């Protein structure tokens, strides 16, 4: 059966609250049903598709579901936030414990994120603990949160903003054709799910909107991302699997991911692995993509304390232009740690939270106009990057409008370098037909490096 929102009392005018109408509609849907949202602005509170099977939410061209920015309407739910299982604010739209769900059409999910972003930036600068009633509620639900591993989102304030669309413990879910815009936090966050397809999506957040990643595939398997255009304020397409001891206990990897024919603009990274890597990330293939004006292109980031085995990654036929740095493999990622030992240049004992990077191939990739450096590849002295292959690639450095070399990646503890070639430290690398136009010395070789040529 096909139903329209108007059948449940919905009104597509920005001043009308459709929260009750959406709740009635989503509850009423049975297997085989489709809910159609017609042209208009459909204001609502947070929504959830719970325990459903074989239903479709279809957004017609010109339909915009506009979510409220009233923090009080977003209830705490148990989920994962920046790699740690905890209570956080519910998503604008959640798909939970469901299967064979389809979201389609040419309409828009709008997270109405402006006030969320402003509050986050203010709290990050001036607030060191919970202040609002909702933050105190989350702090009570998350005992020991002060010691939880974190990224850059502001865990200490417990201002745990909602993603725009989260897919949680669900299977055979496809999201196709729609636009996702103005997310309060991460935009599309599949978590603990399997058999997912994201096709022909447009994801747009302002470049200065904090932590508004495009797609964060988090402890999921069998994921296909194809034909998406992403322009956001943090990483474009990121693969994650939990952080530190909590992620190791959960022990759910991300694997069998295919990313094809996607364009990423203005983000911190194009195709990104990490930095939450504890459950392991493997069997990833990224091909035929364009990373245009992103800070980094191909980006792998982790550090001591994050944990996880990262292996069998293949990147091919990727074009990158006007990046800071087109290729980074960074095991000294700085965000989320105040422990100086995490950034030691000396060997430290291996522990369950020591990450590893191995069996990574970069093939037939071209970068032009990189402004900081041609590449950044830095492993740990006790856990070097192994079996890295770069074949038939060109990573060109710009002639003008250069930026500081240290802007190549977000690191801590590493000495500065003075050359813009591919920085190598604690890595075993094989190269074939690698060129670095625009500079004299293609590689900046430091300690712990083994380079061979095919």
Protein backbone atom coordinates (compact mmCIF):
# COMPACT_ATOMS: atom_id res chain seq x y z
CA UNK A 1 0.00 0.00 0.00
CA UNK A 2 1.02 3.59 -0.63
CA UNK A 3 0.22 6.26 1.93
CA UNK A 4 0.76 10.02 1.87
CA UNK A 5 1.58 12.12 4.91
CA UNK A 6 -1.64 14.07 4.44
CA UNK A 7 -3.55 10.87 5.29
CA UNK A 8 -2.13 11.09 8.81
CA UNK A 9 -2.86 14.78 9.28
CA UNK A 10 0.47 16.02 7.97
CA UNK A 11 0.83 19.51 6.53
CA UNK A 12 3.84 20.47 4.42
CA UNK A 13 4.20 23.99 5.78
CA UNK A 14 7.25 25.09 7.73
CA UNK A 15 5.15 26.45 10.61
CA UNK A 16 3.24 23.21 11.22
CA UNK A 17 4.57 20.58 13.65
CA UNK A 18 4.26 17.16 12.00
CA UNK A 19 5.81 15.12 14.82
CA UNK A 20 2.58 13.34 15.73
CA UNK A 21 1.64 12.74 12.10
CA UNK A 22 5.00 11.19 11.29
CA UNK A 23 4.87 9.00 14.39
CA UNK A 24 1.41 7.74 13.45
CA UNK A 25 2.45 7.09 9.87
CA UNK A 26 5.70 5.25 10.67
CA UNK A 27 3.95 3.14 13.30
CA UNK A 28 1.12 2.21 10.91
CA UNK A 29 3.35 0.97 8.07
CA UNK A 30 3.30 -2.77 7.46
CA UNK A 31 5.47 -4.98 5.26
CA UNK A 32 5.27 -3.84 1.66
CA UNK A 33 4.00 -0.34 2.48
CA UNK A 34 5.39 2.99 1.23
CA UNK A 35 5.04 6.35 2.96
CA UNK A 36 5.23 9.24 0.46
CA UNK A 37 6.24 12.72 1.58
CA UNK A 38 5.08 15.24 -1.01
CA UNK A 39 6.58 18.61 -1.91
CA UNK A 40 6.68 21.00 1.01
CA UNK A 41 8.55 21.74 4.25
CA UNK A 42 7.63 19.16 6.84
CA UNK A 43 8.77 20.36 10.26
CA UNK A 44 9.08 17.63 12.88
CA UNK A 45 10.81 16.42 15.97
CA UNK A 46 13.08 13.36 15.90
CA UNK A 47 11.67 10.28 14.14
CA UNK A 48 12.28 6.55 14.36
CA UNK A 49 11.62 3.50 12.22
CA UNK A 50 11.53 0.75 14.86
CA UNK A 51 11.30 -3.00 14.38
CA UNK A 52 10.01 -2.74 10.82
CA UNK A 53 10.56 -4.89 7.76
CA UNK A 54 10.13 -4.22 4.04
CA UNK A 55 8.93 -0.63 4.09
CA UNK A 56 9.84 2.46 2.04
CA UNK A 57 10.02 6.12 2.98
CA UNK A 58 9.87 8.10 -0.28
CA UNK A 59 10.63 11.82 -0.46
CA UNK A 60 9.24 13.47 -3.58
CA UNK A 61 11.20 16.22 -5.32
CA UNK A 62 10.77 19.42 -3.32
CA UNK A 63 9.97 17.58 -0.09
CA UNK A 64 12.07 18.72 2.86
CA UNK A 65 11.79 17.08 6.27
CA UNK A 66 13.03 19.81 8.61
CA UNK A 67 14.00 18.59 12.08
CA UNK A 68 13.62 20.74 15.16
CA UNK A 69 16.70 22.15 16.88
CA UNK A 70 15.03 22.00 20.31
CA UNK A 71 17.51 19.95 22.35
CA UNK A 72 14.84 19.08 24.92
CA UNK A 73 12.98 16.94 22.35
CA UNK A 74 15.96 14.64 21.73
CA UNK A 75 15.96 11.86 24.30
CA UNK A 76 19.09 9.99 25.42
CA UNK A 77 19.49 6.61 23.75
CA UNK A 78 22.18 3.97 24.11
CA UNK A 79 24.33 4.02 21.01
CA UNK A 80 27.93 4.79 20.09
CA UNK A 81 29.31 8.31 20.02
CA UNK A 82 32.78 8.97 18.58
CA UNK A 83 33.75 5.34 19.02
CA UNK A 84 32.47 4.70 22.57
CA UNK A 85 29.24 2.92 23.54
CA UNK A 86 27.31 5.33 25.72
CA UNK A 87 24.12 7.30 26.01
CA UNK A 88 23.82 10.20 23.58
CA UNK A 89 21.05 12.20 21.98
CA UNK A 90 18.82 10.26 19.60
CA UNK A 91 19.25 10.82 15.88
CA UNK A 92 17.01 13.12 13.90
CA UNK A 93 15.91 9.98 12.01
CA UNK A 94 16.72 6.52 13.36
CA UNK A 95 16.33 3.12 11.75
CA UNK A 96 16.54 0.58 14.57
CA UNK A 97 16.33 -3.23 14.62
CA UNK A 98 14.80 -3.26 11.16
CA UNK A 99 15.42 -4.98 7.84
CA UNK A 100 14.76 -4.37 4.15
CA UNK A 101 14.18 -0.64 4.65
CA UNK A 102 14.43 1.79 1.76
CA UNK A 103 14.65 5.58 1.82
CA UNK A 104 14.34 6.97 -1.70
CA UNK A 105 13.40 9.96 -3.81
CA UNK A 106 14.69 13.43 -4.63
CA UNK A 107 13.74 15.19 -1.40
CA UNK A 108 15.82 16.32 1.57
CA UNK A 109 16.43 15.43 5.20
CA UNK A 110 17.43 18.73 6.85
CA UNK A 111 19.02 18.58 10.30
CA UNK A 112 18.62 22.32 10.94
CA UNK A 113 22.09 22.31 12.46
CA UNK A 114 22.97 26.01 12.82
CA UNK A 115 22.26 26.32 16.55
CA UNK A 116 23.85 22.93 17.29
CA UNK A 117 27.08 24.00 15.59
CA UNK A 118 27.24 27.35 17.37
CA UNK A 119 26.66 25.75 20.76
CA UNK A 120 29.28 23.07 20.09
CA UNK A 121 31.94 25.62 19.15
CA UNK A 122 31.14 27.72 22.22
CA UNK A 123 31.22 24.76 24.58
CA UNK A 124 34.46 23.47 23.10
CA UNK A 125 36.08 26.82 23.83
CA UNK A 126 34.56 27.80 27.15
CA UNK A 127 32.88 24.79 28.81
CA UNK A 128 34.79 21.99 30.53
CA UNK A 129 31.90 19.98 31.98
CA UNK A 130 28.11 19.49 31.82
CA UNK A 131 25.98 22.62 32.24
CA UNK A 132 22.51 22.13 30.75
CA UNK A 133 19.94 19.73 32.24
CA UNK A 134 20.33 17.42 29.23
CA UNK A 135 24.11 17.36 29.65
CA UNK A 136 23.79 16.53 33.34
CA UNK A 137 21.33 13.78 32.46
CA UNK A 138 23.82 12.28 29.99
CA UNK A 139 26.66 12.60 32.49
CA UNK A 140 24.66 10.55 35.03
CA UNK A 141 23.91 7.93 32.38
CA UNK A 142 27.59 7.79 31.37
CA UNK A 143 29.58 7.32 34.58
CA UNK A 144 33.30 7.70 33.98
CA UNK A 145 32.72 9.66 30.78
CA UNK A 146 35.69 11.88 31.64
CA UNK A 147 38.00 8.96 30.84
CA UNK A 148 36.23 7.83 27.69
CA UNK A 149 38.23 8.00 24.51
CA UNK A 150 37.24 10.96 22.39
CA UNK A 151 37.80 12.68 19.10
CA UNK A 152 37.15 16.35 18.54
CA UNK A 153 33.45 16.51 19.32
CA UNK A 154 33.47 17.67 22.94
CA UNK A 155 32.79 14.64 25.13
CA UNK A 156 33.77 16.42 28.37
CA UNK A 157 30.79 18.75 28.13
CA UNK A 158 28.47 15.77 27.40
CA UNK A 159 26.98 17.81 24.60
CA UNK A 160 26.52 14.66 22.53
CA UNK A 161 24.78 15.99 19.44
CA UNK A 162 22.52 13.81 17.27
CA UNK A 163 23.46 12.46 13.86
CA UNK A 164 21.03 13.25 11.08
CA UNK A 165 20.35 9.63 10.06
CA UNK A 166 21.51 6.63 12.07
CA UNK A 167 21.01 3.02 11.01
CA UNK A 168 21.37 0.85 14.11
CA UNK A 169 21.46 -2.95 14.25
CA UNK A 170 19.62 -3.20 10.95
CA UNK A 171 20.04 -5.18 7.73
CA UNK A 172 19.42 -4.73 4.03
CA UNK A 173 18.94 -0.98 4.20
CA UNK A 174 19.25 1.29 1.16
CA UNK A 175 19.26 5.07 1.02
CA UNK A 176 19.11 6.34 -2.54
CA UNK A 177 18.77 9.64 -4.36
CA UNK A 178 17.96 11.98 -1.48
CA UNK A 179 19.85 14.97 -0.09
CA UNK A 180 21.02 15.08 3.52
CA UNK A 181 21.86 18.58 4.74
CA UNK A 182 22.74 20.64 7.81
CA UNK A 183 23.39 17.74 10.16
CA UNK A 184 23.90 18.62 13.84
CA UNK A 185 26.75 16.06 14.03
CA UNK A 186 27.75 13.13 11.78
CA UNK A 187 25.34 13.01 8.86
CA UNK A 188 24.79 9.36 7.88
CA UNK A 189 25.89 6.91 10.59
CA UNK A 190 25.31 3.19 9.99
CA UNK A 191 26.24 1.31 13.17
CA UNK A 192 26.33 -2.44 13.87
CA UNK A 193 24.52 -3.09 10.60
CA UNK A 194 24.97 -5.22 7.48
CA UNK A 195 24.11 -5.25 3.77
CA UNK A 196 23.80 -1.52 3.21
CA UNK A 197 23.59 0.49 -0.01
CA UNK A 198 24.05 4.25 -0.23
CA UNK A 199 23.57 5.41 -3.81
CA UNK A 200 23.42 8.79 -5.57
CA UNK A 201 23.18 10.76 -2.34
CA UNK A 202 24.00 14.44 -1.98
CA UNK A 203 25.33 15.34 1.47
CA UNK A 204 25.89 19.03 2.22
CA UNK A 205 27.04 20.75 5.41
CA UNK A 206 28.92 24.06 5.71
CA UNK A 207 32.69 23.71 5.67
CA UNK A 208 32.95 25.32 9.12
CA UNK A 209 30.23 23.17 10.72
CA UNK A 210 32.08 21.09 13.37
CA UNK A 211 32.21 17.29 13.18
CA UNK A 212 29.68 17.08 10.36
CA UNK A 213 31.18 14.05 8.60
CA UNK A 214 29.37 12.84 5.50
CA UNK A 215 29.12 9.05 5.90
CA UNK A 216 30.56 7.18 8.91
CA UNK A 217 30.44 3.42 8.42
CA UNK A 218 30.87 2.14 11.98
CA UNK A 219 31.33 -1.58 12.77
CA UNK A 220 29.34 -2.59 9.69
CA UNK A 221 29.77 -5.27 7.05
CA UNK A 222 28.91 -5.55 3.36
CA UNK A 223 28.50 -1.88 2.51
CA UNK A 224 28.30 -0.35 -0.99
CA UNK A 225 28.64 3.41 -1.43
CA UNK A 226 28.24 4.50 -5.05
CA UNK A 227 27.77 7.76 -6.92
CA UNK A 228 27.51 10.02 -3.89
CA UNK A 229 28.47 13.72 -3.80
CA UNK A 230 29.64 14.94 -0.41
CA UNK A 231 30.57 18.48 0.68
CA UNK A 232 30.91 18.68 4.46
CA UNK A 233 32.70 20.16 7.47
CA UNK A 234 34.77 17.14 8.48
CA UNK A 235 35.70 13.81 6.86
CA UNK A 236 33.80 12.85 3.73
CA UNK A 237 33.44 9.05 3.81
CA UNK A 238 34.91 7.49 6.96
CA UNK A 239 35.23 3.88 8.11
CA UNK A 240 35.31 3.22 11.84
CA UNK A 241 35.05 0.35 14.34
CA UNK A 242 35.15 1.72 17.87
CA UNK A 243 37.84 3.29 19.99
CA UNK A 244 40.24 1.91 22.60
CA UNK A 245 39.27 -0.62 25.23
CA UNK A 246 35.54 -0.12 24.68
CA UNK A 247 35.90 -0.86 20.98
CA UNK A 248 38.04 -3.90 21.70
CA UNK A 249 35.40 -5.27 24.08
CA UNK A 250 32.68 -4.73 21.50
CA UNK A 251 34.91 -6.37 18.87
CA UNK A 252 32.77 -5.74 15.80
CA UNK A 253 34.85 -4.92 12.70
CA UNK A 254 34.08 -2.95 9.60
CA UNK A 255 34.75 -5.03 6.51
CA UNK A 256 33.76 -5.67 2.91
CA UNK A 257 33.20 -2.03 1.95
CA UNK A 258 33.10 -0.78 -1.64
CA UNK A 259 33.25 2.94 -2.43
CA UNK A 260 32.90 3.85 -6.11
CA UNK A 261 32.30 6.88 -8.34
CA UNK A 262 31.98 9.33 -5.46
CA UNK A 263 32.97 13.00 -5.30
CA UNK A 264 34.06 14.60 -2.03
CA UNK A 265 34.66 18.34 -1.70
CA UNK A 266 36.05 20.61 1.03
CA UNK A 267 36.16 17.87 3.68
CA UNK A 268 39.03 17.08 6.06
CA UNK A 269 39.53 13.83 4.13
CA UNK A 270 38.05 12.14 1.07
CA UNK A 271 38.13 8.39 1.80
CA UNK A 272 39.09 8.02 5.46
CA UNK A 273 39.88 5.09 7.73
CA UNK A 274 39.74 5.89 11.44
CA UNK A 275 40.51 7.26 13.80
CA UNK A 276 38.24 4.86 15.72
CA UNK A 277 39.78 1.56 14.63
CA UNK A 278 39.63 -0.81 17.62
CA UNK A 279 37.42 -3.51 16.11
CA UNK A 280 39.54 -3.70 12.97
CA UNK A 281 38.90 -2.52 9.42
CA UNK A 282 39.55 -4.76 6.43
CA UNK A 283 38.62 -5.66 2.86
CA UNK A 284 38.04 -2.13 1.62
CA UNK A 285 38.10 -1.04 -2.02
CA UNK A 286 37.86 2.59 -3.07
CA UNK A 287 37.89 3.31 -6.80
CA UNK A 288 37.09 5.91 -9.46
CA UNK A 289 36.53 8.80 -7.06
CA UNK A 290 37.34 12.53 -7.10
CA UNK A 291 38.55 14.32 -3.96
CA UNK A 292 38.36 18.01 -4.86
CA UNK A 293 39.76 20.58 -2.44
CA UNK A 294 39.68 18.21 0.54
CA UNK A 295 42.39 18.75 3.17
CA UNK A 296 43.55 15.16 2.64
CA UNK A 297 42.55 12.72 -0.07
CA UNK A 298 43.22 9.12 0.94
CA UNK A 299 43.47 9.32 4.72
CA UNK A 300 44.20 6.66 7.36
CA UNK A 301 44.44 7.92 10.93
CA UNK A 302 44.93 6.15 14.24
CA UNK A 303 47.31 6.17 17.20
CA UNK A 304 48.37 4.28 20.28
CA UNK A 305 45.33 3.65 22.44
CA UNK A 306 42.93 3.36 19.49
CA UNK A 307 43.68 -0.31 18.75
CA UNK A 308 42.63 -2.48 15.84
CA UNK A 309 44.06 -4.27 12.83
CA UNK A 310 43.73 -2.28 9.61
CA UNK A 311 44.47 -4.47 6.63
CA UNK A 312 43.65 -5.27 3.02
CA UNK A 313 42.82 -1.79 1.80
CA UNK A 314 42.89 -0.97 -1.92
CA UNK A 315 42.64 2.50 -3.44
CA UNK A 316 42.66 2.82 -7.22
CA UNK A 317 41.92 5.32 -10.00
CA UNK A 318 41.41 8.21 -7.61
CA UNK A 319 41.84 11.81 -8.73
CA UNK A 320 42.78 14.41 -6.16
CA UNK A 321 43.23 18.10 -6.70
CA UNK A 322 44.05 21.14 -4.60
CA UNK A 323 44.46 19.20 -1.36
CA UNK A 324 46.76 20.02 1.51
CA UNK A 325 48.12 16.48 1.24
CA UNK A 326 46.72 13.77 -1.06
CA UNK A 327 47.87 10.64 0.81
CA UNK A 328 48.25 10.25 4.57
CA UNK A 329 48.80 7.20 6.75
CA UNK A 330 49.07 8.67 10.22
CA UNK A 331 49.66 6.66 13.41
CA UNK A 332 50.32 9.83 15.43
CA UNK A 333 46.81 11.30 15.13
CA UNK A 334 46.54 13.91 17.85
CA UNK A 335 42.83 14.32 18.62
CA UNK A 336 41.39 12.86 21.80
CA UNK A 337 44.50 12.14 23.87
CA UNK A 338 46.34 14.01 26.60
CA UNK A 339 48.78 11.13 27.24
CA UNK A 340 52.26 12.10 26.04
CA UNK A 341 53.28 8.44 25.75
CA UNK A 342 50.79 8.05 22.90
CA UNK A 343 53.12 10.26 20.86
CA UNK A 344 56.53 8.98 21.93
CA UNK A 345 59.15 8.62 19.21
CA UNK A 346 60.61 5.65 21.07
CA UNK A 347 59.33 2.10 21.04
CA UNK A 348 56.78 1.38 23.73
CA UNK A 349 55.45 -2.07 24.68
CA UNK A 350 52.79 -3.55 22.43
CA UNK A 351 49.37 -3.71 24.06
CA UNK A 352 45.87 -4.73 22.95
CA UNK A 353 45.27 -1.06 22.10
CA UNK A 354 48.24 -0.82 19.73
CA UNK A 355 46.88 -0.41 16.18
CA UNK A 356 48.47 -1.97 13.11
CA UNK A 357 48.44 -1.07 9.40
CA UNK A 358 49.34 -3.63 6.74
CA UNK A 359 48.61 -4.78 3.19
CA UNK A 360 47.59 -1.46 1.69
CA UNK A 361 47.74 -0.77 -2.05
CA UNK A 362 47.56 2.64 -3.72
CA UNK A 363 47.34 2.19 -7.50
CA UNK A 364 46.72 4.46 -10.52
CA UNK A 365 46.05 7.56 -8.45
CA UNK A 366 46.82 11.15 -9.51
CA UNK A 367 47.02 14.28 -7.36
CA UNK A 368 47.70 17.82 -8.55
CA UNK A 369 48.16 21.10 -6.73
CA UNK A 370 48.84 19.77 -3.22
CA UNK A 371 49.72 22.75 -1.05
CA UNK A 372 51.44 21.27 2.03
CA UNK A 373 53.20 18.13 0.84
CA UNK A 374 53.02 15.19 -1.55
CA UNK A 375 52.33 12.61 1.16
CA UNK A 376 52.59 11.69 4.84
CA UNK A 377 53.24 8.06 5.83
CA UNK A 378 54.22 7.60 9.47
CA UNK A 379 53.96 4.38 11.47
CA UNK A 380 54.90 3.52 15.04
CA UNK A 381 58.44 2.41 15.92
CA UNK A 382 57.06 -0.70 17.66
CA UNK A 383 54.44 -1.32 14.93
CA UNK A 384 55.63 -0.09 11.51
CA UNK A 385 53.29 0.09 8.54
CA UNK A 386 53.98 -3.06 6.49
CA UNK A 387 53.37 -4.21 2.94
CA UNK A 388 52.38 -0.80 1.63
CA UNK A 389 52.46 -0.64 -2.17
CA UNK A 390 52.26 2.48 -4.32
CA UNK A 391 52.03 1.72 -8.02
CA UNK A 392 51.69 3.98 -11.07
CA UNK A 393 50.86 7.10 -9.07
CA UNK A 394 51.64 10.80 -9.39
CA UNK A 395 51.41 13.13 -6.39
CA UNK A 396 52.12 16.69 -7.52
CA UNK A 397 52.92 19.68 -5.32
CA UNK A 398 51.64 23.16 -6.19
CA UNK A 399 54.00 25.86 -7.36
CA UNK A 400 52.16 28.70 -5.59
CA UNK A 401 49.84 29.33 -2.63
CA UNK A 402 51.74 26.83 -0.51
CA UNK A 403 50.78 26.17 3.10
CA UNK A 404 52.87 24.96 6.07
CA UNK A 405 54.22 21.42 5.71
CA UNK A 406 52.92 20.55 9.19
CA UNK A 407 49.35 21.07 7.94
CA UNK A 408 49.70 17.83 5.96
CA UNK A 409 48.17 15.92 8.87
CA UNK A 410 46.89 16.40 12.42
CA UNK A 411 49.74 15.02 14.51
CA UNK A 412 51.52 15.37 17.80
CA UNK A 413 55.03 14.51 18.91
CA UNK A 414 56.71 14.36 15.51
CA UNK A 415 59.69 16.53 14.55
CA UNK A 416 59.14 19.07 11.81
CA UNK A 417 60.50 18.46 8.32
CA UNK A 418 61.61 21.03 5.79
CA UNK A 419 60.81 19.27 2.51
CA UNK A 420 57.48 18.71 0.76
CA UNK A 421 58.12 15.23 -0.61
CA UNK A 422 56.35 12.12 0.71
CA UNK A 423 57.32 11.85 4.38
CA UNK A 424 58.27 8.29 5.38
CA UNK A 425 58.81 7.06 8.92
CA UNK A 426 58.48 3.52 10.30
CA UNK A 427 57.13 2.04 7.08
CA UNK A 428 57.98 -0.86 4.74
CA UNK A 429 57.10 0.38 1.28
CA UNK A 430 57.24 -0.97 -2.25
CA UNK A 431 57.01 1.50 -5.12
CA UNK A 432 56.58 1.19 -8.88
CA UNK A 433 56.30 4.10 -11.31
CA UNK A 434 55.84 6.71 -8.59
CA UNK A 435 56.43 10.34 -9.55
CA UNK A 436 56.25 13.50 -7.46
CA UNK A 437 56.08 16.52 -9.79
CA UNK A 438 56.94 19.98 -8.55
CA UNK A 439 59.76 19.21 -6.11
CA UNK A 440 63.30 17.89 -6.30
CA UNK A 441 63.29 15.21 -3.60
CA UNK A 442 60.27 12.89 -3.96
CA UNK A 443 60.71 11.20 -0.57
CA UNK A 444 61.67 12.48 2.86
CA UNK A 445 63.09 9.34 4.46
CA UNK A 446 63.39 9.17 8.26
CA UNK A 447 64.04 6.31 10.63
CA UNK A 448 62.56 2.82 10.35
CA UNK A 449 62.03 2.97 6.58
CA UNK A 450 62.45 0.18 4.07
CA UNK A 451 61.81 1.10 0.44
CA UNK A 452 62.01 -1.34 -2.44
CA UNK A 453 61.11 -1.02 -6.11
CA UNK A 454 59.26 -3.50 -8.28
